[in-house]
């Protein structure tokens, strides 16, 4: 099954777009895209470039659409959605003062840590729920993604080089 999926993507969209699409997936993001590019034999700069672009594609949509979605959930006839929206709004409001003081660099560093759930998706969700200015939030996420990309590129291509040296 894995081979079928791999062949489909590689033969249909190519290695570069595989990295781009992988980097768009929540939780995986470029933390999976760059190692994928390394394993597919892409040069480090192509993996980095396509992973950063792929990781950033969802960010503007999240920043612009999350509050609309939460508002829609708050007006929903389904109790679960109303409760979830209320919870998110209360949580954002409760922590707003603490978060707003350090939001730019805090989100940047949070996104830069190359661990699952600390990527651009979560960083942009935080910015959107506290209603951070769009361009400031976008720049903060972008810088964090670039830093995470450098860390993952060094780690991924360093490991590939080490294995080639040992072989």
Foldseek 3Di string as FASTA:
>chain_A
DVVVVVCCCCVPPNLLVVLLQQLQDAQRHLLVSQLSSVVVPHPLVSSLVSSLNSVLVCLLVLLPPVVVLLVVLCPDPDPVSVVVSVVLLVVLVVCLVVCVVCLLQVLLQQQQPSHGPSHSNNSSNSCNSSVPDSVSSSVSRSNSSSNNSVVSSCVNVVVVVVVVVVD
